[in-house]
Amino acid sequence: MWMMVMFDLPTETSFERKQAAKFRSFLLDYGFGMAQYSVYVRFTGTKENSQKYVRLLKDNNPKTGDVCILFFTDYQFGEIIHLYKNHSEQKLDEKPEQFQLF
């Protein structure tokens, strides 16, 4: 299971810019990777595992702007096609390798 967080946060004032930067830092600190400037993704394994991140996102939701959370299966995420400026096409990265703990 993959989570995608999309957001549209205001950046007109200094306070709003700081809040937007703080939210981006929060996402990076919790293992989300930037797909686009306002779109971040994270592999969670299962839908149940993603609920902890949903709670964290709710707790750290900026006071202004909009945040959307989408969920994708491995198959659906693997079917995403990324088109670049130079018209080349590339599939998104495969799910990250799992670490084995002793």
PDB file of N, CA and C in Angstrom:
ATOM      1  N   MET A   1       0.847  -1.179   0.000  1.00  0.00           N
ATOM      2  CA  MET A   1       0.000   0.000   0.000  1.00  0.00           C
ATOM      3  C   MET A   1       0.886   1.233   0.000  1.00  0.00           C
ATOM      4  N   TRP A   2       0.508   2.187  -0.795  1.00  0.00           N
ATOM      5  CA  TRP A   2       1.189   3.464  -0.881  1.00  0.00           C
ATOM      6  C   TRP A   2       0.259   4.579  -0.441  1.00  0.00           C
ATOM      7  N   MET A   3       0.801   5.583   0.226  1.00  0.00           N
ATOM      8  CA  MET A   3       0.060   6.794   0.580  1.00  0.00           C
ATOM      9  C   MET A   3       0.601   7.931  -0.268  1.00  0.00           C
ATOM     10  N   MET A   4      -0.303   8.732  -0.767  1.00  0.00           N
ATOM     11  CA  MET A   4       0.090   9.949  -1.476  1.00  0.00           C
ATOM     12  C   MET A   4      -0.566  11.123  -0.761  1.00  0.00           C
ATOM     13  N   VAL A   5       0.243  12.084  -0.382  1.00  0.00           N
ATOM     14  CA  VAL A   5      -0.255  13.289   0.287  1.00  0.00           C
ATOM     15  C   VAL A   5      -0.096  14.442  -0.688  1.00  0.00           C
ATOM     16  N   MET A   6      -1.218  15.074  -1.001  1.00  0.00           N
ATOM     17  CA  MET A   6      -1.217  16.237  -1.894  1.00  0.00           C
ATOM     18  C   MET A   6      -1.705  17.427  -1.089  1.00  0.00           C
ATOM     19  N   PHE A   7      -1.071  18.567  -1.276  1.00  0.00           N
ATOM     20  CA  PHE A   7      -1.505  19.723  -0.493  1.00  0.00           C
ATOM     21  C   PHE A   7      -1.384  21.004  -1.300  1.00  0.00           C
ATOM     22  N   ASP A   8      -2.219  21.945  -0.926  1.00  0.00           N
ATOM     23  CA  ASP A   8      -2.224  23.284  -1.500  1.00  0.00           C
ATOM     24  C   ASP A   8      -2.247  24.235  -0.309  1.00  0.00           C
ATOM     25  N   LEU A   9      -1.082  24.743   0.039  1.00  0.00           N
ATOM     26  CA  LEU A   9      -0.961  25.604   1.211  1.00  0.00           C
ATOM     27  C   LEU A   9      -0.655  27.031   0.778  1.00  0.00           C
ATOM     28  N   PRO A  10      -1.273  27.997   1.439  1.00  0.00           N
ATOM     29  CA  PRO A  10      -0.999  29.388   1.080  1.00  0.00           C
ATOM     30  C   PRO A  10       0.433  29.769   1.470  1.00  0.00           C
ATOM     31  N   THR A  11       1.030  30.667   0.687  1.00  0.00           N
ATOM     32  CA  THR A  11       2.398  31.117   0.950  1.00  0.00           C
ATOM     33  C   THR A  11       2.540  32.629   0.752  1.00  0.00           C
ATOM     34  N   GLU A  12       1.465  33.348   0.997  1.00  0.00           N
ATOM     35  CA  GLU A  12       1.498  34.794   0.758  1.00  0.00           C
ATOM     36  C   GLU A  12       2.222  35.550   1.862  1.00  0.00           C
ATOM     37  N   THR A  13       2.082  35.114   3.102  1.00  0.00           N
ATOM     38  CA  THR A  13       2.736  35.811   4.215  1.00  0.00           C
ATOM     39  C   THR A  13       3.926  35.006   4.709  1.00  0.00           C
ATOM     40  N   SER A  14       4.756  35.647   5.485  1.00  0.00           N
ATOM     41  CA  SER A  14       5.923  34.978   6.061  1.00  0.00           C
ATOM     42  C   SER A  14       5.484  33.811   6.954  1.00  0.00           C
ATOM     43  N   PHE A  15       4.442  34.009   7.737  1.00  0.00           N
ATOM     44  CA  PHE A  15       3.935  32.952   8.608  1.00  0.00           C
ATOM     45  C   PHE A  15       3.457  31.749   7.795  1.00  0.00           C
ATOM     46  N   GLU A  16       2.719  32.005   6.703  1.00  0.00           N
ATOM     47  CA  GLU A  16       2.223  30.916   5.856  1.00  0.00           C
ATOM     48  C   GLU A  16       3.370  30.155   5.192  1.00  0.00           C
ATOM     49  N   ARG A  17       4.400  30.858   4.750  1.00  0.00           N
ATOM     50  CA  ARG A  17       5.556  30.186   4.157  1.00  0.00           C
ATOM     51  C   ARG A  17       6.251  29.294   5.178  1.00  0.00           C
ATOM     52  N   LYS A  18       6.370  29.771   6.406  1.00  0.00           N
ATOM     53  CA  LYS A  18       6.990  28.961   7.460  1.00  0.00           C
ATOM     54  C   LYS A  18       6.155  27.723   7.763  1.00  0.00           C
ATOM     55  N   GLN A  19       4.840  27.884   7.790  1.00  0.00           N
ATOM     56  CA  GLN A  19       3.963  26.740   8.039  1.00  0.00           C
ATOM     57  C   GLN A  19       4.064  25.706   6.918  1.00  0.00           C
ATOM     58  N   ALA A  20       4.121  26.165   5.671  1.00  0.00           N
ATOM     59  CA  ALA A  20       4.250  25.254   4.524  1.00  0.00           C
ATOM     60  C   ALA A  20       5.591  24.526   4.576  1.00  0.00           C
ATOM     61  N   ALA A  21       6.672  25.241   4.892  1.00  0.00           N
ATOM     62  CA  ALA A  21       7.994  24.623   4.994  1.00  0.00           C
ATOM     63  C   ALA A  21       8.035  23.617   6.138  1.00  0.00           C
ATOM     64  N   LYS A  22       7.394  23.950   7.237  1.00  0.00           N
ATOM     65  CA  LYS A  22       7.338  23.042   8.390  1.00  0.00           C
ATOM     66  C   LYS A  22       6.595  21.755   8.023  1.00  0.00           C
ATOM     67  N   PHE A  23       5.509  21.874   7.263  1.00  0.00           N
ATOM     68  CA  PHE A  23       4.742  20.699   6.858  1.00  0.00           C
ATOM     69  C   PHE A  23       5.556  19.830   5.904  1.00  0.00           C
ATOM     70  N   ARG A  24       6.265  20.442   4.961  1.00  0.00           N
ATOM     71  CA  ARG A  24       7.134  19.676   4.057  1.00  0.00           C
ATOM     72  C   ARG A  24       8.228  18.949   4.833  1.00  0.00           C
ATOM     73  N   SER A  25       8.820  19.620   5.797  1.00  0.00           N
ATOM     74  CA  SER A  25       9.854  18.992   6.632  1.00  0.00           C
ATOM     75  C   SER A  25       9.278  17.829   7.429  1.00  0.00           C
ATOM     76  N   PHE A  26       8.073  18.001   7.934  1.00  0.00           N
ATOM     77  CA  PHE A  26       7.402  16.929   8.661  1.00  0.00           C
ATOM     78  C   PHE A  26       7.255  15.695   7.769  1.00  0.00           C
ATOM     79  N   LEU A  27       6.814  15.898   6.538  1.00  0.00           N
ATOM     80  CA  LEU A  27       6.642  14.774   5.617  1.00  0.00           C
ATOM     81  C   LEU A  27       7.963  14.056   5.359  1.00  0.00           C
ATOM     82  N   LEU A  28       9.007  14.815   5.113  1.00  0.00           N
ATOM     83  CA  LEU A  28      10.326  14.217   4.862  1.00  0.00           C
ATOM     84  C   LEU A  28      10.838  13.467   6.095  1.00  0.00           C
ATOM     85  N   ASP A  29      10.621  14.036   7.283  1.00  0.00           N
ATOM     86  CA  ASP A  29      11.067  13.398   8.525  1.00  0.00           C
ATOM     87  C   ASP A  29      10.380  12.056   8.757  1.00  0.00           C
ATOM     88  N   TYR A  30       9.159  11.895   8.252  1.00  0.00           N
ATOM     89  CA  TYR A  30       8.410  10.655   8.440  1.00  0.00           C
ATOM     90  C   TYR A  30       8.480   9.735   7.226  1.00  0.00           C
ATOM     91  N   GLY A  31       9.477   9.925   6.388  1.00  0.00           N
ATOM     92  CA  GLY A  31       9.756   8.971   5.328  1.00  0.00           C
ATOM     93  C   GLY A  31       9.011   9.168   4.028  1.00  0.00           C
ATOM     94  N   PHE A  32       8.354  10.294   3.855  1.00  0.00           N
ATOM     95  CA  PHE A  32       7.687  10.574   2.585  1.00  0.00           C
ATOM     96  C   PHE A  32       8.721  11.119   1.609  1.00  0.00           C
ATOM     97  N   GLY A  33       8.568  10.755   0.355  1.00  0.00           N
ATOM     98  CA  GLY A  33       9.441  11.269  -0.690  1.00  0.00           C
ATOM     99  C   GLY A  33       8.665  12.205  -1.591  1.00  0.00           C
ATOM    100  N   MET A  34       9.343  13.224  -2.088  1.00  0.00           N
ATOM    101  CA  MET A  34       8.672  14.201  -2.934  1.00  0.00           C
ATOM    102  C   MET A  34       8.538  13.670  -4.356  1.00  0.00           C
ATOM    103  N   ALA A  35       7.290  13.571  -4.837  1.00  0.00           N
ATOM    104  CA  ALA A  35       7.023  13.193  -6.219  1.00  0.00           C
ATOM    105  C   ALA A  35       6.931  14.460  -7.076  1.00  0.00           C
ATOM    106  N   GLN A  36       6.307  15.478  -6.525  1.00  0.00           N
ATOM    107  CA  GLN A  36       6.248  16.814  -7.105  1.00  0.00           C
ATOM    108  C   GLN A  36       6.277  17.775  -5.931  1.00  0.00           C
ATOM    109  N   TYR A  37       6.325  19.067  -6.198  1.00  0.00           N
ATOM    110  CA  TYR A  37       6.525  20.030  -5.117  1.00  0.00           C
ATOM    111  C   TYR A  37       5.467  19.912  -4.013  1.00  0.00           C
ATOM    112  N   SER A  38       4.234  19.674  -4.343  1.00  0.00           N
ATOM    113  CA  SER A  38       3.172  19.554  -3.340  1.00  0.00           C
ATOM    114  C   SER A  38       2.573  18.158  -3.302  1.00  0.00           C
ATOM    115  N   VAL A  39       3.335  17.163  -3.755  1.00  0.00           N
ATOM    116  CA  VAL A  39       2.868  15.775  -3.771  1.00  0.00           C
ATOM    117  C   VAL A  39       3.978  14.894  -3.192  1.00  0.00           C
ATOM    118  N   TYR A  40       3.664  14.195  -2.116  1.00  0.00           N
ATOM    119  CA  TYR A  40       4.633  13.328  -1.445  1.00  0.00           C
ATOM    120  C   TYR A  40       4.055  11.924  -1.339  1.00  0.00           C
ATOM    121  N   VAL A  41       4.912  10.907  -1.418  1.00  0.00           N
ATOM    122  CA  VAL A  41       4.458   9.520  -1.355  1.00  0.00           C
ATOM    123  C   VAL A  41       5.282   8.744  -0.334  1.00  0.00           C
ATOM    124  N   ARG A  42       4.657   7.677   0.193  1.00  0.00           N
ATOM    125  CA  ARG A  42       5.335   6.803   1.144  1.00  0.00           C
ATOM    126  C   ARG A  42       4.757   5.408   1.034  1.00  0.00           C
ATOM    127  N   PHE A  43       5.630   4.407   1.047  1.00  0.00           N
ATOM    128  CA  PHE A  43       5.199   3.016   1.071  1.00  0.00           C
ATOM    129  C   PHE A  43       4.894   2.653   2.525  1.00  0.00           C
ATOM    130  N   THR A  44       3.697   2.095   2.773  1.00  0.00           N
ATOM    131  CA  THR A  44       3.314   1.748   4.146  1.00  0.00           C
ATOM    132  C   THR A  44       3.121   0.248   4.344  1.00  0.00           C
ATOM    133  N   GLY A  45       3.174  -0.520   3.298  1.00  0.00           N
ATOM    134  CA  GLY A  45       2.987  -1.970   3.429  1.00  0.00           C
ATOM    135  C   GLY A  45       1.528  -2.368   3.348  1.00  0.00           C
ATOM    136  N   THR A  46       0.748  -1.992   4.348  1.00  0.00           N
ATOM    137  CA  THR A  46      -0.677  -2.341   4.371  1.00  0.00           C
ATOM    138  C   THR A  46      -1.507  -1.106   4.708  1.00  0.00           C
ATOM    139  N   LYS A  47      -2.795  -1.196   4.454  1.00  0.00           N
ATOM    140  CA  LYS A  47      -3.717  -0.101   4.782  1.00  0.00           C
ATOM    141  C   LYS A  47      -3.725   0.156   6.290  1.00  0.00           C
ATOM    142  N   GLU A  48      -3.641  -0.920   7.071  1.00  0.00           N
ATOM    143  CA  GLU A  48      -3.645  -0.784   8.523  1.00  0.00           C
ATOM    144  C   GLU A  48      -2.415  -0.004   8.999  1.00  0.00           C
ATOM    145  N   ASN A  49      -1.252  -0.288   8.409  1.00  0.00           N
ATOM    146  CA  ASN A  49      -0.029   0.436   8.785  1.00  0.00           C
ATOM    147  C   ASN A  49      -0.122   1.916   8.443  1.00  0.00           C
ATOM    148  N   SER A  50      -0.882   2.248   7.425  1.00  0.00           N
ATOM    149  CA  SER A  50      -0.976   3.642   7.003  1.00  0.00           C
ATOM    150  C   SER A  50      -1.776   4.493   7.987  1.00  0.00           C
ATOM    151  N   GLN A  51      -2.585   3.866   8.833  1.00  0.00           N
ATOM    152  CA  GLN A  51      -3.426   4.630   9.762  1.00  0.00           C
ATOM    153  C   GLN A  51      -2.602   5.446  10.756  1.00  0.00           C
ATOM    154  N   LYS A  52      -1.431   4.946  11.133  1.00  0.00           N
ATOM    155  CA  LYS A  52      -0.572   5.720  12.051  1.00  0.00           C
ATOM    156  C   LYS A  52      -0.130   7.016  11.382  1.00  0.00           C
ATOM    157  N   TYR A  53       0.142   6.965  10.066  1.00  0.00           N
ATOM    158  CA  TYR A  53       0.553   8.167   9.349  1.00  0.00           C
ATOM    159  C   TYR A  53      -0.630   9.111   9.135  1.00  0.00           C
ATOM    160  N   VAL A  54      -1.812   8.554   8.975  1.00  0.00           N
ATOM    161  CA  VAL A  54      -3.012   9.399   8.858  1.00  0.00           C
ATOM    162  C   VAL A  54      -3.192  10.191  10.153  1.00  0.00           C
ATOM    163  N   ARG A  55      -3.034   9.522  11.306  1.00  0.00           N
ATOM    164  CA  ARG A  55      -3.154  10.220  12.592  1.00  0.00           C
ATOM    165  C   ARG A  55      -2.093  11.315  12.721  1.00  0.00           C
ATOM    166  N   LEU A  56      -0.854  10.994  12.345  1.00  0.00           N
ATOM    167  CA  LEU A  56       0.216  11.993  12.402  1.00  0.00           C
ATOM    168  C   LEU A  56      -0.078  13.185  11.493  1.00  0.00           C
ATOM    169  N   LEU A  57      -0.591  12.908  10.295  1.00  0.00           N
ATOM    170  CA  LEU A  57      -0.940  13.988   9.375  1.00  0.00           C
ATOM    171  C   LEU A  57      -2.056  14.858   9.945  1.00  0.00           C
ATOM    172  N   LYS A  58      -3.040  14.239  10.557  1.00  0.00           N
ATOM    173  CA  LYS A  58      -4.127  15.013  11.171  1.00  0.00           C
ATOM    174  C   LYS A  58      -3.597  15.891  12.295  1.00  0.00           C
ATOM    175  N   ASP A  59      -2.674  15.346  13.089  1.00  0.00           N
ATOM    176  CA  ASP A  59      -2.107  16.103  14.204  1.00  0.00           C
ATOM    177  C   ASP A  59      -1.208  17.243  13.737  1.00  0.00           C
ATOM    178  N   ASN A  60      -0.602  17.104  12.568  1.00  0.00           N
ATOM    179  CA  ASN A  60       0.331  18.112  12.049  1.00  0.00           C
ATOM    180  C   ASN A  60      -0.222  18.879  10.861  1.00  0.00           C
ATOM    181  N   ASN A  61      -1.519  18.789  10.657  1.00  0.00           N
ATOM    182  CA  ASN A  61      -2.169  19.470   9.540  1.00  0.00           C
ATOM    183  C   ASN A  61      -2.055  20.988   9.718  1.00  0.00           C
ATOM    184  N   PRO A  62      -1.561  21.694   8.705  1.00  0.00           N
ATOM    185  CA  PRO A  62      -1.492  23.159   8.816  1.00  0.00           C
ATOM    186  C   PRO A  62      -2.885  23.748   9.015  1.00  0.00           C
ATOM    187  N   LYS A  63      -2.928  24.878   9.678  1.00  0.00           N
ATOM    188  CA  LYS A  63      -4.221  25.514  10.001  1.00  0.00           C
ATOM    189  C   LYS A  63      -4.905  26.103   8.775  1.00  0.00           C
ATOM    190  N   THR A  64      -4.140  26.354   7.719  1.00  0.00           N
ATOM    191  CA  THR A  64      -4.719  26.905   6.494  1.00  0.00           C
ATOM    192  C   THR A  64      -4.363  25.996   5.331  1.00  0.00           C
ATOM    193  N   GLY A  65      -5.116  26.085   4.260  1.00  0.00           N
ATOM    194  CA  GLY A  65      -4.834  25.289   3.074  1.00  0.00           C
ATOM    195  C   GLY A  65      -5.570  23.967   3.079  1.00  0.00           C
ATOM    196  N   ASP A  66      -5.297  23.161   2.057  1.00  0.00           N
ATOM    197  CA  ASP A  66      -5.957  21.871   1.872  1.00  0.00           C
ATOM    198  C   ASP A  66      -4.919  20.764   1.787  1.00  0.00           C
ATOM    199  N   VAL A  67      -5.218  19.637   2.446  1.00  0.00           N
ATOM    200  CA  VAL A  67      -4.369  18.450   2.389  1.00  0.00           C
ATOM    201  C   VAL A  67      -5.257  17.269   2.024  1.00  0.00           C
ATOM    202  N   CYS A  68      -4.860  16.490   1.023  1.00  0.00           N
ATOM    203  CA  CYS A  68      -5.597  15.293   0.609  1.00  0.00           C
ATOM    204  C   CYS A  68      -4.678  14.086   0.746  1.00  0.00           C
ATOM    205  N   ILE A  69      -5.251  12.968   1.183  1.00  0.00           N
ATOM    206  CA  ILE A  69      -4.499  11.723   1.313  1.00  0.00           C
ATOM    207  C   ILE A  69      -5.152  10.685   0.414  1.00  0.00           C
ATOM    208  N   LEU A  70      -4.353  10.093  -0.477  1.00  0.00           N
ATOM    209  CA  LEU A  70      -4.831   9.037  -1.368  1.00  0.00           C
ATOM    210  C   LEU A  70      -4.086   7.752  -1.056  1.00  0.00           C
ATOM    211  N   PHE A  71      -4.713   6.616  -1.362  1.00  0.00           N
ATOM    212  CA  PHE A  71      -4.099   5.316  -1.132  1.00  0.00           C
ATOM    213  C   PHE A  71      -4.074   4.541  -2.442  1.00  0.00           C
ATOM    214  N   PHE A  72      -2.958   3.830  -2.694  1.00  0.00           N
ATOM    215  CA  PHE A  72      -2.782   3.035  -3.896  1.00  0.00           C
ATOM    216  C   PHE A  72      -2.225   1.672  -3.518  1.00  0.00           C
ATOM    217  N   THR A  73      -2.681   0.645  -4.201  1.00  0.00           N
ATOM    218  CA  THR A  73      -2.060  -0.665  -4.039  1.00  0.00           C
ATOM    219  C   THR A  73      -0.720  -0.645  -4.765  1.00  0.00           C
ATOM    220  N   ASP A  74       0.109  -1.658  -4.521  1.00  0.00           N
ATOM    221  CA  ASP A  74       1.390  -1.754  -5.223  1.00  0.00           C
ATOM    222  C   ASP A  74       1.176  -1.770  -6.734  1.00  0.00           C
ATOM    223  N   TYR A  75       0.182  -2.528  -7.171  1.00  0.00           N
ATOM    224  CA  TYR A  75      -0.073  -2.638  -8.603  1.00  0.00           C
ATOM    225  C   TYR A  75      -0.463  -1.280  -9.183  1.00  0.00           C
ATOM    226  N   GLN A  76      -1.413  -0.587  -8.535  1.00  0.00           N
ATOM    227  CA  GLN A  76      -1.860   0.710  -9.027  1.00  0.00           C
ATOM    228  C   GLN A  76      -0.713   1.716  -9.053  1.00  0.00           C
ATOM    229  N   PHE A  77       0.086   1.723  -8.004  1.00  0.00           N
ATOM    230  CA  PHE A  77       1.213   2.643  -7.947  1.00  0.00           C
ATOM    231  C   PHE A  77       2.235   2.319  -9.031  1.00  0.00           C
ATOM    232  N   GLY A  78       2.436   1.039  -9.276  1.00  0.00           N
ATOM    233  CA  GLY A  78       3.375   0.619 -10.310  1.00  0.00           C
ATOM    234  C   GLY A  78       2.940   0.986 -11.713  1.00  0.00           C
ATOM    235  N   GLU A  79       1.663   1.243 -11.908  1.00  0.00           N
ATOM    236  CA  GLU A  79       1.139   1.613 -13.214  1.00  0.00           C
ATOM    237  C   GLU A  79       1.188   3.116 -13.490  1.00  0.00           C
ATOM    238  N   ILE A  80       1.641   3.904 -12.525  1.00  0.00           N
ATOM    239  CA  ILE A  80       1.749   5.348 -12.733  1.00  0.00           C
ATOM    240  C   ILE A  80       2.846   5.617 -13.756  1.00  0.00           C
ATOM    241  N   ILE A  81       2.549   6.464 -14.723  1.00  0.00           N
ATOM    242  CA  ILE A  81       3.509   6.836 -15.755  1.00  0.00           C
ATOM    243  C   ILE A  81       3.884   8.295 -15.538  1.00  0.00           C
ATOM    244  N   HIS A  82       5.169   8.562 -15.483  1.00  0.00           N
ATOM    245  CA  HIS A  82       5.674   9.910 -15.265  1.00  0.00           C
ATOM    246  C   HIS A  82       6.203  10.448 -16.591  1.00  0.00           C
ATOM    247  N   LEU A  83       5.621  11.532 -17.065  1.00  0.00           N
ATOM    248  CA  LEU A  83       6.064  12.165 -18.310  1.00  0.00           C
ATOM    249  C   LEU A  83       6.946  13.356 -17.964  1.00  0.00           C
ATOM    250  N   TYR A  84       8.122  13.398 -18.566  1.00  0.00           N
ATOM    251  CA  TYR A  84       9.076  14.467 -18.307  1.00  0.00           C
ATOM    252  C   TYR A  84       8.990  15.547 -19.378  1.00  0.00           C
ATOM    253  N   LYS A  85       9.609  16.686 -19.081  1.00  0.00           N
ATOM    254  CA  LYS A  85       9.621  17.811 -20.023  1.00  0.00           C
ATOM    255  C   LYS A  85      10.177  17.431 -21.387  1.00  0.00           C
ATOM    256  N   ASN A  86      11.182  16.550 -21.392  1.00  0.00           N
ATOM    257  CA  ASN A  86      11.806  16.183 -22.662  1.00  0.00           C
ATOM    258  C   ASN A  86      11.030  15.068 -23.373  1.00  0.00           C
ATOM    259  N   HIS A  87       9.800  14.842 -22.953  1.00  0.00           N
ATOM    260  CA  HIS A  87       8.877  13.897 -23.567  1.00  0.00           C
ATOM    261  C   HIS A  87       9.274  12.436 -23.362  1.00  0.00           C
ATOM    262  N   SER A  88      10.239  12.180 -22.492  1.00  0.00           N
ATOM    263  CA  SER A  88      10.551  10.784 -22.189  1.00  0.00           C
ATOM    264  C   SER A  88       9.560  10.287 -21.146  1.00  0.00           C
ATOM    265  N   GLU A  89       9.423   8.998 -21.086  1.00  0.00           N
ATOM    266  CA  GLU A  89       8.452   8.370 -20.195  1.00  0.00           C
ATOM    267  C   GLU A  89       9.185   7.420 -19.274  1.00  0.00           C
ATOM    268  N   GLN A  90       8.781   7.426 -18.002  1.00  0.00           N
ATOM    269  CA  GLN A  90       9.427   6.540 -17.041  1.00  0.00           C
ATOM    270  C   GLN A  90       8.413   6.115 -15.999  1.00  0.00           C
ATOM    271  N   LYS A  91       8.442   4.841 -15.638  1.00  0.00           N
ATOM    272  CA  LYS A  91       7.595   4.370 -14.544  1.00  0.00           C
ATOM    273  C   LYS A  91       8.219   4.815 -13.241  1.00  0.00           C
ATOM    274  N   LEU A  92       7.400   5.000 -12.215  1.00  0.00           N
ATOM    275  CA  LEU A  92       7.918   5.376 -10.913  1.00  0.00           C
ATOM    276  C   LEU A  92       8.703   4.228 -10.310  1.00  0.00           C
ATOM    277  N   ASP A  93       9.518   4.546  -9.313  1.00  0.00           N
ATOM    278  CA  ASP A  93      10.353   3.539  -8.666  1.00  0.00           C
ATOM    279  C   ASP A  93       9.518   2.404  -8.091  1.00  0.00           C
ATOM    280  N   GLU A  94      10.124   1.235  -8.061  1.00  0.00           N
ATOM    281  CA  GLU A  94       9.495   0.086  -7.429  1.00  0.00           C
ATOM    282  C   GLU A  94       9.407   0.338  -5.928  1.00  0.00           C
ATOM    283  N   LYS A  95       8.611  -0.471  -5.236  1.00  0.00           N
ATOM    284  CA  LYS A  95       8.523  -0.297  -3.788  1.00  0.00           C
ATOM    285  C   LYS A  95       9.895  -0.542  -3.178  1.00  0.00           C
ATOM    286  N   PRO A  96      10.185   0.138  -2.085  1.00  0.00           N
ATOM    287  CA  PRO A  96      11.503  -0.009  -1.478  1.00  0.00           C
ATOM    288  C   PRO A  96      11.707  -1.409  -0.925  1.00  0.00           C
ATOM    289  N   GLU A  97      12.976  -1.836  -0.879  1.00  0.00           N
ATOM    290  CA  GLU A  97      13.291  -3.143  -0.326  1.00  0.00           C
ATOM    291  C   GLU A  97      12.959  -3.165   1.163  1.00  0.00           C
ATOM    292  N   GLN A  98      12.510  -4.305   1.623  1.00  0.00           N
ATOM    293  CA  GLN A  98      12.205  -4.466   3.036  1.00  0.00           C
ATOM    294  C   GLN A  98      13.462  -4.902   3.761  1.00  0.00           C
ATOM    295  N   PHE A  99      13.671  -4.377   4.941  1.00  0.00           N
ATOM    296  CA  PHE A  99      14.813  -4.771   5.749  1.00  0.00           C
ATOM    297  C   PHE A  99      14.444  -5.957   6.599  1.00  0.00           C
ATOM    298  N   GLN A 100      15.366  -6.855   6.748  1.00  0.00           N
ATOM    299  CA  GLN A 100      15.128  -8.023   7.583  1.00  0.00           C
ATOM    300  C   GLN A 100      15.817  -7.787   8.925  1.00  0.00           C
ATOM    301  N   LEU A 101      15.045  -7.870   9.990  1.00  0.00           N
ATOM    302  CA  LEU A 101      15.589  -7.696  11.338  1.00  0.00           C
ATOM    303  C   LEU A 101      15.848  -9.060  11.944  1.00  0.00           C
ATOM    304  N   PHE A 102      16.886  -9.174  12.682  1.00  0.00           N
ATOM    305  CA  PHE A 102      17.267 -10.450  13.275  1.00  0.00           C
ATOM    306  C   PHE A 102      16.439 -10.767  14.486  1.00  0.00           C
TER     307      PHE A 102
END
